[in-house]
Protein backbone atom coordinates (compact mmCIF):
# COMPACT_ATOMS: atom_id res chain seq x y z
CA MET A 1 -30.00 -67.37 -55.30
CA ALA A 2 -29.36 -69.06 -58.71
CA ARG A 3 -26.47 -71.31 -57.69
CA CYS A 4 -28.54 -72.80 -54.89
CA GLN A 5 -31.34 -73.69 -57.36
CA CYS A 6 -33.68 -71.55 -55.39
CA GLY A 7 -37.13 -71.23 -56.78
CA GLY A 8 -40.69 -71.51 -55.82
CA ASP A 9 -41.00 -72.08 -52.13
CA GLY A 10 -37.69 -73.87 -51.60
CA CYS A 11 -33.98 -73.30 -51.66
CA ASN A 12 -31.10 -75.76 -51.55
CA CYS A 13 -28.61 -73.25 -49.97
CA VAL A 14 -27.61 -73.87 -46.40
CA VAL A 15 -26.87 -70.83 -44.15
CA ILE A 16 -25.12 -71.53 -40.86
CA ALA A 17 -25.01 -69.03 -38.01
CA GLY A 18 -21.55 -68.13 -36.80
CA GLU A 19 -20.40 -66.86 -33.41
CA ASN A 20 -22.76 -64.30 -31.90
CA ALA A 21 -25.07 -64.70 -34.92
CA GLU A 22 -28.48 -66.31 -35.48
CA VAL A 23 -30.11 -67.38 -38.75
CA THR A 24 -33.84 -67.78 -39.13
CA GLY A 25 -36.07 -68.52 -42.12
CA ALA A 26 -35.99 -71.11 -44.89
CA GLY A 27 -34.69 -69.00 -47.73
CA SER A 28 -37.95 -68.86 -49.60
CA THR A 29 -39.77 -65.82 -50.81
CA LEU A 30 -42.36 -66.17 -48.10
CA ASN A 31 -39.85 -67.20 -45.45
CA PRO A 32 -36.48 -65.60 -46.29
CA TYR A 33 -33.29 -66.07 -44.33
CA VAL A 34 -32.78 -63.48 -41.55
CA VAL A 35 -29.32 -63.15 -40.06
CA SER A 36 -29.16 -61.43 -36.64
CA ALA A 37 -25.99 -60.62 -34.69
CA GLU A 38 -25.54 -59.33 -31.15
CA ILE A 39 -22.25 -58.36 -29.47
CA GLY A 40 -22.22 -57.97 -25.69
CA CYS A 41 -20.33 -55.36 -23.71
CA GLU A 42 -17.97 -58.02 -22.38
CA ASP A 43 -16.83 -58.62 -25.95
CA VAL A 44 -16.19 -54.93 -26.67
CA ARG A 45 -14.47 -53.90 -23.42
CA PRO A 46 -11.15 -55.65 -24.12
CA CYS A 47 -10.79 -53.44 -27.20
CA ILE A 48 -11.03 -50.16 -25.26
CA VAL A 49 -7.81 -48.62 -23.95
CA ALA A 50 -7.71 -45.36 -21.95
CA GLY A 51 -5.51 -42.60 -23.40
CA ASP A 52 -4.46 -39.06 -22.39
CA GLY A 53 -7.35 -37.24 -20.74
CA ILE A 54 -9.52 -40.39 -20.66
CA SER A 55 -10.47 -42.62 -17.73
CA TYR A 56 -11.86 -46.12 -18.37
CA ASP A 57 -13.31 -48.59 -15.87
CA SER A 58 -13.15 -52.04 -17.43
CA SER A 59 -15.42 -53.50 -14.77
CA THR A 60 -18.28 -51.13 -15.55
CA GLY A 61 -17.38 -50.13 -19.08
CA VAL A 62 -17.66 -46.41 -18.21
CA VAL A 63 -15.50 -44.04 -20.28
CA ALA A 64 -15.03 -40.59 -18.68
CA ALA A 65 -12.81 -37.52 -18.83
CA HIS A 66 -9.74 -37.82 -16.66
CA LEU A 67 -9.34 -34.69 -14.48
CA SER A 68 -5.85 -34.02 -13.20
CA ASP A 69 -5.53 -33.54 -9.45
CA ARG A 70 -2.55 -31.24 -9.90
CA SER A 71 -2.70 -28.02 -7.85
CA GLY A 72 -4.16 -25.10 -9.81
CA ASN A 73 -6.39 -27.21 -12.06
CA ASN A 74 -9.90 -25.76 -11.90
CA ILE A 75 -11.74 -27.71 -14.59
CA ALA A 76 -14.74 -29.55 -13.15
CA VAL A 77 -17.69 -31.74 -14.11
CA GLY A 78 -20.94 -29.84 -13.90
CA PRO A 79 -24.27 -31.14 -12.63
CA ASP A 80 -25.28 -31.80 -16.23
CA GLY A 81 -22.27 -34.07 -16.70
CA GLY A 82 -20.40 -31.61 -18.90
CA LEU A 83 -16.92 -30.18 -18.35
CA PHE A 84 -16.70 -26.54 -17.36
CA VAL A 85 -14.28 -23.98 -15.84
CA PRO A 86 -15.92 -21.91 -13.07
CA THR A 87 -15.92 -18.11 -13.33
CA GLY A 88 -12.69 -16.76 -11.93
CA ALA A 89 -11.10 -20.19 -12.00
CA ALA A 90 -7.83 -18.63 -13.16
CA THR A 91 -7.32 -17.84 -9.44
CA VAL A 92 -6.98 -14.10 -10.14
CA SER A 93 -7.16 -11.94 -7.05
CA ALA A 94 -7.91 -8.42 -8.26
CA GLY A 95 -7.08 -5.32 -6.28
CA CYS A 96 -5.01 -2.14 -6.14
CA GLY A 97 -6.05 -0.88 -9.56
CA ILE A 98 -6.69 -4.32 -11.13
CA THR A 99 -10.24 -5.42 -11.95
CA GLY A 100 -11.79 -8.58 -13.41
CA ASP A 101 -11.54 -12.26 -12.58
CA GLY A 102 -10.00 -13.52 -15.81
CA SER A 103 -13.21 -14.89 -17.30
CA ALA A 104 -14.41 -14.06 -20.79
CA SER A 105 -17.04 -11.71 -19.42
CA ALA A 106 -14.69 -10.02 -16.93
CA PRO A 107 -11.11 -10.00 -18.26
CA VAL A 108 -8.32 -8.77 -16.03
CA THR A 109 -7.71 -5.08 -16.75
CA ALA A 110 -5.84 -2.20 -15.14
CA SER A 111 -7.94 0.69 -13.87
CA THR A 112 -6.66 3.91 -15.42
CA GLY A 113 -7.47 7.56 -14.90
CA GLU A 114 -7.94 10.41 -17.30
CA TRP A 115 -4.78 12.18 -18.51
CA PRO A 116 -5.31 15.69 -17.03
CA TYR A 117 -2.59 17.56 -18.93
CA ALA A 118 -2.65 19.56 -22.13
CA CYS A 119 0.32 17.63 -23.53
CA SER A 120 0.00 14.23 -25.18
CA VAL A 121 0.22 11.13 -23.00
CA ASP A 122 1.91 9.39 -25.95
CA ASP A 123 4.75 11.92 -25.89
CA PHE A 124 5.05 12.74 -22.19
CA GLY A 125 3.61 9.77 -20.30
CA GLY A 126 5.91 8.22 -17.70
CA VAL A 127 7.09 4.65 -17.38
CA VAL A 128 5.89 1.82 -15.14
CA ALA A 129 8.37 -1.06 -14.89
CA CYS A 130 8.55 -4.46 -13.17
CA ASP A 131 11.35 -4.93 -10.63
CA SER A 132 13.30 -8.12 -9.91
CA ASP A 133 10.69 -9.18 -7.34
CA GLY A 134 7.82 -8.80 -9.81
CA VAL A 135 6.57 -5.57 -8.23
CA LEU A 136 5.39 -2.69 -10.41
CA ARG A 137 7.47 0.45 -9.94
CA SER A 138 7.05 3.99 -11.22
CA GLU A 139 9.82 6.29 -12.36
CA PRO A 140 12.34 7.49 -9.74
CA ARG A 141 11.15 10.24 -7.46
CA GLY A 142 12.52 13.71 -8.06
CA LYS A 143 15.36 15.01 -5.92
CA VAL A 144 16.24 18.52 -4.84
CA SER A 145 19.42 19.26 -2.89
CA MET A 146 21.30 22.35 -1.78
CA THR A 147 25.01 22.77 -1.04
CA ARG A 148 26.79 25.79 0.46
CA TYR A 149 30.43 26.80 0.32
CA VAL A 150 31.77 29.72 2.39
CA GLU A 151 35.35 30.99 2.62
CA SER A 152 37.06 34.14 3.94
CA ARG A 153 40.57 35.10 2.90
CA THR A 154 42.78 37.95 4.16
CA TYR A 155 45.55 39.77 2.32
CA ASN A 156 48.36 42.07 3.38
CA ASN A 157 47.28 45.38 1.81
CA ARG A 158 47.41 44.32 -1.83
CA PRO A 159 47.27 47.35 -4.15
CA VAL A 160 44.16 47.75 -6.30
CA PRO A 161 45.44 48.04 -9.88
CA ALA A 162 44.46 50.99 -12.01
CA SER A 163 43.19 48.68 -14.76
CA ALA A 164 39.44 48.22 -15.12
CA ILE A 165 39.47 44.48 -14.39
CA HIS A 166 41.95 42.46 -12.37
CA ARG A 167 41.57 38.99 -10.89
CA ALA A 168 42.16 39.29 -7.19
CA ASP A 169 41.55 35.59 -6.33
CA THR A 170 39.66 32.48 -7.42
CA PHE A 171 37.17 30.53 -5.31
CA ALA A 172 35.92 27.05 -6.19
CA THR A 173 33.96 24.14 -4.79
CA THR A 174 32.60 20.82 -6.06
CA VAL A 175 29.04 19.54 -5.99
CA THR A 176 27.88 15.96 -6.54
CA ASN A 177 24.53 15.00 -7.99
CA PRO A 178 22.87 12.78 -5.34
CA ASP A 179 20.53 11.30 -7.93
CA THR A 180 22.10 8.14 -9.34
CA CYS A 181 19.33 7.78 -11.93
CA ARG A 182 19.03 11.11 -13.72
CA PRO A 183 21.03 14.23 -14.49
CA ALA A 184 20.47 17.27 -12.30
CA PHE A 185 20.06 20.87 -13.38
CA VAL A 186 22.19 23.20 -11.25
CA VAL A 187 21.34 26.76 -10.27
CA VAL A 188 24.38 28.55 -8.83
CA GLU A 189 24.26 31.59 -6.52
CA ARG A 190 27.60 33.38 -6.07
CA GLU A 191 28.37 36.10 -3.55
CA VAL A 192 31.54 38.15 -3.22
CA ASP A 193 32.46 40.79 -0.66
CA VAL A 194 35.81 42.56 -1.20
CA PHE A 195 37.20 44.72 1.62
CA VAL A 196 39.21 47.78 0.54
CA THR A 197 41.08 50.51 2.41
CA LEU A 198 40.80 53.94 0.81
CA PRO A 199 43.01 56.84 1.86
CA ALA A 200 41.60 60.34 1.29
CA GLY A 201 40.79 60.79 -2.40
CA ALA A 202 41.34 57.11 -3.24
CA GLY A 203 38.89 54.95 -5.18
CA ALA A 204 38.43 51.26 -6.10
CA ALA A 205 36.00 49.01 -7.97
CA THR A 206 35.06 45.46 -6.95
CA GLY A 207 33.09 42.62 -8.52
CA PHE A 208 33.56 39.16 -9.95
CA ASP A 209 34.08 37.28 -13.20
CA GLY A 210 35.05 40.48 -14.99
CA ASP A 211 31.88 42.30 -14.04
CA GLU A 212 32.36 45.49 -12.05
CA MET A 213 29.64 45.54 -9.42
CA TYR A 214 30.58 48.47 -7.14
CA TYR A 215 32.88 51.50 -7.24
CA THR A 216 33.69 53.43 -4.09
CA ARG A 217 35.65 56.71 -3.82
CA ASN A 218 36.72 58.42 -0.62
CA SER A 219 35.83 62.07 -1.01
CA GLY A 220 36.68 62.87 2.62
CA THR A 221 39.91 63.82 4.35
CA GLY A 222 40.44 60.66 6.41
CA THR A 223 41.09 57.01 5.54
CA ILE A 224 38.18 54.63 5.06
CA SER A 225 39.07 51.18 6.34
CA SER A 226 37.34 47.94 5.32
CA ALA A 227 34.91 49.53 2.89
CA HIS A 228 32.96 46.73 1.22
CA ALA A 229 29.81 45.94 -0.70
CA GLN A 230 28.40 42.42 -1.16
CA ALA A 231 27.56 41.49 -4.75
CA THR A 232 25.38 38.54 -5.75
CA LYS A 233 24.73 36.70 -9.01
CA VAL A 234 22.41 33.79 -9.73
CA LEU A 235 23.27 31.88 -12.88
CA ALA A 236 22.56 28.53 -14.46
CA GLY A 237 25.36 26.13 -13.66
CA GLY A 238 24.56 23.56 -16.32
CA THR A 239 23.66 19.91 -16.02
CA VAL A 240 25.40 17.30 -13.88
CA PRO A 241 25.13 13.66 -15.05
CA ALA A 242 23.65 11.10 -12.64
CA GLY A 243 25.98 10.66 -9.67
CA ALA A 244 28.65 12.88 -11.24
CA THR A 245 30.58 15.79 -9.71
CA LEU A 246 30.78 19.36 -11.01
CA THR A 247 33.32 22.05 -10.15
CA VAL A 248 31.84 25.52 -9.63
CA SER A 249 34.13 28.54 -9.40
CA PHE A 250 34.34 32.29 -9.86
CA ASP A 251 36.97 35.03 -9.87
CA ALA A 252 36.80 37.93 -7.41
CA THR A 253 37.95 41.05 -9.22
CA VAL A 254 39.20 44.51 -8.35
CA GLY A 255 40.13 47.46 -10.54
CA ARG A 256 40.15 51.21 -11.21
CA GLY A 257 42.35 51.69 -8.15
CA SER A 258 43.62 55.16 -7.35
CA GLY A 259 45.16 57.07 -4.41
CA ASN A 260 46.95 54.01 -3.01
CA ALA A 261 43.77 51.97 -2.58
CA VAL A 262 44.39 48.42 -1.29
CA TYR A 263 42.25 45.33 -0.67
CA THR A 264 42.62 43.41 2.57
CA GLY A 265 40.11 40.59 2.46
CA ILE A 266 37.49 38.73 0.44
CA ASN A 267 34.47 36.79 1.63
CA ALA A 268 33.07 34.30 -0.90
CA ILE A 269 29.90 32.21 -0.87
CA ILE A 270 28.75 29.64 -3.44
CA ARG A 271 25.32 28.00 -3.15
CA CYS A 272 24.23 25.31 -5.55
CA LEU A 273 20.64 24.14 -5.98
CA MET A 274 20.43 20.82 -7.82
CA ILE A 275 17.13 19.66 -9.27
CA SER A 276 16.48 16.29 -10.91
CA LEU A 277 12.97 15.46 -12.10
């Protein structure tokens, strides 16, 4: 230390110990100055302030993690003093097709089956949706319904025209799709039964929608009263939108009348099978 004229075994510099410090030695080569400092815990503690997630006890000087006591918090201090989240601490209750407890080794998953159809699940797989109460729901169940309309009408000996096709009367009914979710395909069965009176030698044809179904001729010598034959057709009736109403009708026809043939009554039946899938 040149400015203190240090040399040999002596030194003219004076070193004074400050607060919490101690100076030993004479400053010589054989006995140099040694400065030692020691700060006690009571001096450090006023500088420590607990923040978010930290607990601090100023009386003991212990700094620790602050664990919230809010409901649903599952973090804990393990026996080794470390923080950990127990397996399944996400409070997952698995069941009804759900497996796993939410941990890294057992994530929550849905149990699924094998697609057993030849078609692609990507193209034809159904939908699972969540309702307003948070419950999983599948697609609406299919509906099948059947309606029946029957009517009998009488006439006062109406002549059967000689033309091949003549509309004798029209019968109609309405059907409503009971499915409010999906359209329904309608299969319609129509039946018509026309009653004719045929004097000797007379003839008449009956049917519906312009299609002659039966022809009857009286080859005897007396009058045939109430001759009839029931005709039936099953046809596609189209598609009815969800909750909508469809009108189904057909024309009863007569024709090829001869020998003063007349028709006196018609029985009509309409059955509708509605299918929504």
